[in-house]
Amino acid sequence: MEKKEIEIYTLIQHMVEDGEELMLKVTPYTSLEEAKNNLKEIVENDERPNSYKKGWLIDTDNDVDFLAYEEGYYATNHSMITIQTDTIVL
């Protein structure tokens, strides 16, 4: 039987505010473009504006990663969204 490999793109969202984990969400996609579009929508509509409003440092902001945090307080105040790529062998 021939093995088949497929790429899985996992959108990971992790948000912590005032030391409380508000969100840890993992969403798998079979399309990198779909994962990128969802990340872009989340960042443009929510995370970037909220980070500016809170005065957080935006450390990374590209088509596969977003990271913002309160300078000096990363562990207690941050928003991280990333796309992780994995290969699955069927």
N, C-alpha and C. Protein backbone atom coordinates (compact mmCIF):
# COMPACT_ATOMS: atom_id res chain seq x y z
N MET A 1 0.84 -1.18 0.00
CA MET A 1 0.00 0.00 0.00
C MET A 1 0.89 1.25 0.00
N GLU A 2 0.59 2.13 -0.88
CA GLU A 2 1.36 3.37 -1.01
C GLU A 2 0.95 4.38 0.04
N LYS A 3 1.95 4.97 0.67
CA LYS A 3 1.67 5.98 1.68
C LYS A 3 1.45 7.32 1.01
N LYS A 4 0.54 8.06 1.57
CA LYS A 4 0.22 9.38 1.04
C LYS A 4 0.53 10.42 2.12
N GLU A 5 1.17 11.50 1.71
CA GLU A 5 1.47 12.59 2.63
C GLU A 5 0.59 13.78 2.32
N ILE A 6 0.07 14.39 3.38
CA ILE A 6 -0.70 15.62 3.21
C ILE A 6 -0.17 16.66 4.19
N GLU A 7 -0.26 17.90 3.78
CA GLU A 7 0.14 19.01 4.64
C GLU A 7 -1.07 19.49 5.43
N ILE A 8 -0.86 19.72 6.70
CA ILE A 8 -1.88 20.28 7.58
C ILE A 8 -1.35 21.61 8.11
N TYR A 9 -2.18 22.62 8.08
CA TYR A 9 -1.82 23.95 8.54
C TYR A 9 -2.69 24.26 9.75
N THR A 10 -2.05 24.43 10.90
CA THR A 10 -2.78 24.62 12.14
C THR A 10 -2.66 26.07 12.60
N LEU A 11 -3.81 26.71 12.73
CA LEU A 11 -3.85 28.08 13.23
C LEU A 11 -3.99 28.01 14.75
N ILE A 12 -3.00 28.54 15.44
CA ILE A 12 -2.98 28.50 16.90
C ILE A 12 -3.14 29.92 17.43
N GLN A 13 -4.13 30.11 18.30
CA GLN A 13 -4.38 31.41 18.92
C GLN A 13 -4.21 31.26 20.43
N HIS A 14 -3.37 32.12 21.01
CA HIS A 14 -3.18 32.10 22.46
C HIS A 14 -3.23 33.53 22.98
N MET A 15 -4.16 33.79 23.87
CA MET A 15 -4.31 35.11 24.44
C MET A 15 -4.31 35.03 25.97
N VAL A 16 -3.50 35.89 26.58
CA VAL A 16 -3.42 35.99 28.03
C VAL A 16 -3.55 37.47 28.39
N GLU A 17 -4.41 37.75 29.35
CA GLU A 17 -4.56 39.14 29.80
C GLU A 17 -4.67 39.16 31.31
N ASP A 18 -3.86 40.00 31.93
CA ASP A 18 -3.80 40.13 33.39
C ASP A 18 -3.58 38.77 34.05
N GLY A 19 -2.75 37.93 33.42
CA GLY A 19 -2.40 36.64 33.98
C GLY A 19 -3.41 35.53 33.75
N GLU A 20 -4.53 35.85 33.13
CA GLU A 20 -5.56 34.85 32.88
C GLU A 20 -5.54 34.44 31.41
N GLU A 21 -5.51 33.13 31.18
CA GLU A 21 -5.56 32.64 29.82
C GLU A 21 -6.99 32.80 29.30
N LEU A 22 -7.15 33.69 28.32
CA LEU A 22 -8.47 33.96 27.77
C LEU A 22 -8.81 33.00 26.64
N MET A 23 -7.78 32.56 25.91
CA MET A 23 -8.05 31.69 24.78
C MET A 23 -6.83 30.86 24.43
N LEU A 24 -7.08 29.60 24.16
CA LEU A 24 -6.12 28.72 23.50
C LEU A 24 -6.96 27.94 22.50
N LYS A 25 -6.84 28.31 21.24
CA LYS A 25 -7.67 27.72 20.21
C LYS A 25 -6.77 27.18 19.10
N VAL A 26 -7.06 25.96 18.67
CA VAL A 26 -6.28 25.30 17.63
C VAL A 26 -7.25 24.89 16.53
N THR A 27 -7.02 25.41 15.31
CA THR A 27 -7.91 25.14 14.18
C THR A 27 -7.09 24.59 13.01
N PRO A 28 -7.36 23.34 12.59
CA PRO A 28 -6.61 22.77 11.46
C PRO A 28 -7.22 23.15 10.12
N TYR A 29 -6.35 23.28 9.12
CA TYR A 29 -6.76 23.56 7.74
C TYR A 29 -5.97 22.66 6.80
N THR A 30 -6.55 22.36 5.67
CA THR A 30 -5.80 21.64 4.63
C THR A 30 -5.29 22.59 3.57
N SER A 31 -5.68 23.86 3.67
CA SER A 31 -5.24 24.88 2.73
C SER A 31 -4.48 25.98 3.47
N LEU A 32 -3.24 26.21 3.05
CA LEU A 32 -2.45 27.28 3.66
C LEU A 32 -3.11 28.63 3.43
N GLU A 33 -3.64 28.85 2.25
CA GLU A 33 -4.28 30.13 1.95
C GLU A 33 -5.48 30.39 2.84
N GLU A 34 -6.26 29.36 3.12
CA GLU A 34 -7.42 29.50 4.00
C GLU A 34 -6.96 29.86 5.42
N ALA A 35 -5.91 29.20 5.90
CA ALA A 35 -5.38 29.51 7.23
C ALA A 35 -4.85 30.94 7.28
N LYS A 36 -4.13 31.35 6.23
CA LYS A 36 -3.60 32.72 6.17
C LYS A 36 -4.72 33.75 6.14
N ASN A 37 -5.78 33.47 5.37
CA ASN A 37 -6.90 34.40 5.29
C ASN A 37 -7.59 34.55 6.64
N ASN A 38 -7.74 33.43 7.37
CA ASN A 38 -8.36 33.50 8.69
C ASN A 38 -7.48 34.28 9.67
N LEU A 39 -6.17 34.03 9.64
CA LEU A 39 -5.24 34.78 10.49
C LEU A 39 -5.33 36.27 10.19
N LYS A 40 -5.31 36.61 8.90
CA LYS A 40 -5.38 38.01 8.49
C LYS A 40 -6.66 38.68 9.01
N GLU A 41 -7.78 37.98 8.90
CA GLU A 41 -9.06 38.53 9.36
C GLU A 41 -9.05 38.77 10.87
N ILE A 42 -8.55 37.81 11.62
CA ILE A 42 -8.48 37.94 13.08
C ILE A 42 -7.57 39.10 13.48
N VAL A 43 -6.41 39.19 12.84
CA VAL A 43 -5.45 40.23 13.18
C VAL A 43 -5.99 41.61 12.81
N GLU A 44 -6.52 41.76 11.60
CA GLU A 44 -7.00 43.07 11.15
C GLU A 44 -8.22 43.55 11.92
N ASN A 45 -9.14 42.63 12.24
CA ASN A 45 -10.40 43.03 12.87
C ASN A 45 -10.34 43.08 14.39
N ASP A 46 -9.44 42.31 14.99
CA ASP A 46 -9.43 42.22 16.45
C ASP A 46 -8.07 42.51 17.09
N GLU A 47 -7.10 41.69 16.77
CA GLU A 47 -5.87 41.69 17.56
C GLU A 47 -5.00 42.93 17.36
N ARG A 48 -4.82 43.37 16.13
CA ARG A 48 -3.99 44.58 15.93
C ARG A 48 -4.65 45.81 16.57
N PRO A 49 -5.95 46.07 16.30
CA PRO A 49 -6.58 47.23 16.94
C PRO A 49 -6.58 47.15 18.47
N ASN A 50 -6.84 45.95 19.01
CA ASN A 50 -6.84 45.79 20.48
C ASN A 50 -5.45 46.01 21.06
N SER A 51 -4.43 45.56 20.35
CA SER A 51 -3.05 45.73 20.82
C SER A 51 -2.67 47.21 20.85
N TYR A 52 -3.04 47.94 19.79
CA TYR A 52 -2.78 49.39 19.78
C TYR A 52 -3.51 50.08 20.93
N LYS A 53 -4.76 49.69 21.13
CA LYS A 53 -5.60 50.29 22.18
C LYS A 53 -4.99 50.06 23.57
N LYS A 54 -4.42 48.87 23.79
CA LYS A 54 -3.84 48.53 25.08
C LYS A 54 -2.41 49.07 25.24
N GLY A 55 -1.83 49.58 24.15
CA GLY A 55 -0.46 50.08 24.20
C GLY A 55 0.59 48.98 24.17
N TRP A 56 0.21 47.80 23.68
CA TRP A 56 1.14 46.68 23.62
C TRP A 56 2.11 46.83 22.46
N LEU A 57 3.27 46.25 22.62
CA LEU A 57 4.29 46.20 21.58
C LEU A 57 3.90 45.11 20.57
N ILE A 58 3.86 45.47 19.29
CA ILE A 58 3.63 44.47 18.25
C ILE A 58 5.00 44.03 17.77
N ASP A 59 5.36 42.81 18.16
CA ASP A 59 6.69 42.27 17.89
C ASP A 59 6.78 41.62 16.51
N THR A 60 5.74 40.90 16.12
CA THR A 60 5.72 40.19 14.84
C THR A 60 4.34 40.37 14.21
N ASP A 61 4.33 40.71 12.92
CA ASP A 61 3.06 40.91 12.22
C ASP A 61 3.29 40.61 10.74
N ASN A 62 3.06 39.35 10.36
CA ASN A 62 3.20 38.96 8.95
C ASN A 62 2.09 37.98 8.58
N ASP A 63 2.18 37.35 7.42
CA ASP A 63 1.06 36.53 6.96
C ASP A 63 0.93 35.18 7.65
N VAL A 64 1.90 34.79 8.50
CA VAL A 64 1.80 33.52 9.22
C VAL A 64 2.00 33.66 10.73
N ASP A 65 2.31 34.86 11.21
CA ASP A 65 2.56 35.08 12.64
C ASP A 65 2.12 36.47 13.07
N PHE A 66 1.57 36.51 14.28
CA PHE A 66 1.27 37.79 14.93
C PHE A 66 1.60 37.63 16.40
N LEU A 67 2.36 38.56 16.94
CA LEU A 67 2.69 38.53 18.35
C LEU A 67 2.70 39.95 18.89
N ALA A 68 1.88 40.17 19.91
CA ALA A 68 1.84 41.46 20.59
C ALA A 68 1.82 41.19 22.09
N TYR A 69 2.45 42.09 22.86
CA TYR A 69 2.49 41.89 24.30
C TYR A 69 2.78 43.21 25.00
N GLU A 70 2.47 43.22 26.28
CA GLU A 70 2.83 44.37 27.10
C GLU A 70 4.30 44.24 27.44
N GLU A 71 5.07 45.23 27.04
CA GLU A 71 6.52 45.17 27.24
C GLU A 71 6.86 44.96 28.71
N GLY A 72 7.69 43.96 28.96
CA GLY A 72 8.08 43.61 30.31
C GLY A 72 7.13 42.66 31.01
N TYR A 73 5.99 42.38 30.38
CA TYR A 73 4.97 41.54 31.00
C TYR A 73 4.44 40.49 30.03
N TYR A 74 5.31 39.93 29.19
CA TYR A 74 4.87 38.96 28.18
C TYR A 74 4.06 37.82 28.80
N ALA A 75 4.54 37.27 29.89
CA ALA A 75 3.89 36.10 30.49
C ALA A 75 2.45 36.38 30.92
N THR A 76 2.16 37.61 31.30
CA THR A 76 0.83 37.92 31.82
C THR A 76 -0.06 38.67 30.84
N ASN A 77 0.51 39.23 29.76
CA ASN A 77 -0.30 39.99 28.79
C ASN A 77 0.27 39.81 27.38
N HIS A 78 -0.35 38.92 26.61
CA HIS A 78 0.10 38.75 25.23
C HIS A 78 -1.00 38.16 24.35
N SER A 79 -0.81 38.36 23.06
CA SER A 79 -1.67 37.79 22.03
C SER A 79 -0.75 37.19 20.98
N MET A 80 -0.86 35.89 20.75
CA MET A 80 -0.02 35.19 19.80
C MET A 80 -0.91 34.39 18.86
N ILE A 81 -0.69 34.57 17.57
CA ILE A 81 -1.40 33.79 16.56
C ILE A 81 -0.36 33.33 15.56
N THR A 82 -0.35 32.04 15.27
CA THR A 82 0.64 31.51 14.34
C THR A 82 0.06 30.37 13.53
N ILE A 83 0.67 30.12 12.39
CA ILE A 83 0.31 28.97 11.56
C ILE A 83 1.46 27.99 11.62
N GLN A 84 1.16 26.80 12.06
CA GLN A 84 2.16 25.71 12.14
C GLN A 84 1.88 24.74 11.00
N THR A 85 2.93 24.35 10.29
CA THR A 85 2.79 23.41 9.16
C THR A 85 3.33 22.05 9.57
N ASP A 86 2.53 21.02 9.32
CA ASP A 86 2.93 19.64 9.62
C ASP A 86 2.57 18.74 8.45
N THR A 87 3.33 17.67 8.31
CA THR A 87 3.04 16.67 7.30
C THR A 87 2.50 15.43 7.98
N ILE A 88 1.38 14.93 7.47
CA ILE A 88 0.78 13.73 7.99
C ILE A 88 0.90 12.64 6.95
N VAL A 89 1.35 11.47 7.37
CA VAL A 89 1.47 10.33 6.47
C VAL A 89 0.27 9.42 6.69
N LEU A 90 -0.45 9.16 5.61
CA LEU A 90 -1.64 8.31 5.69
C LEU A 90 -1.33 6.92 5.18
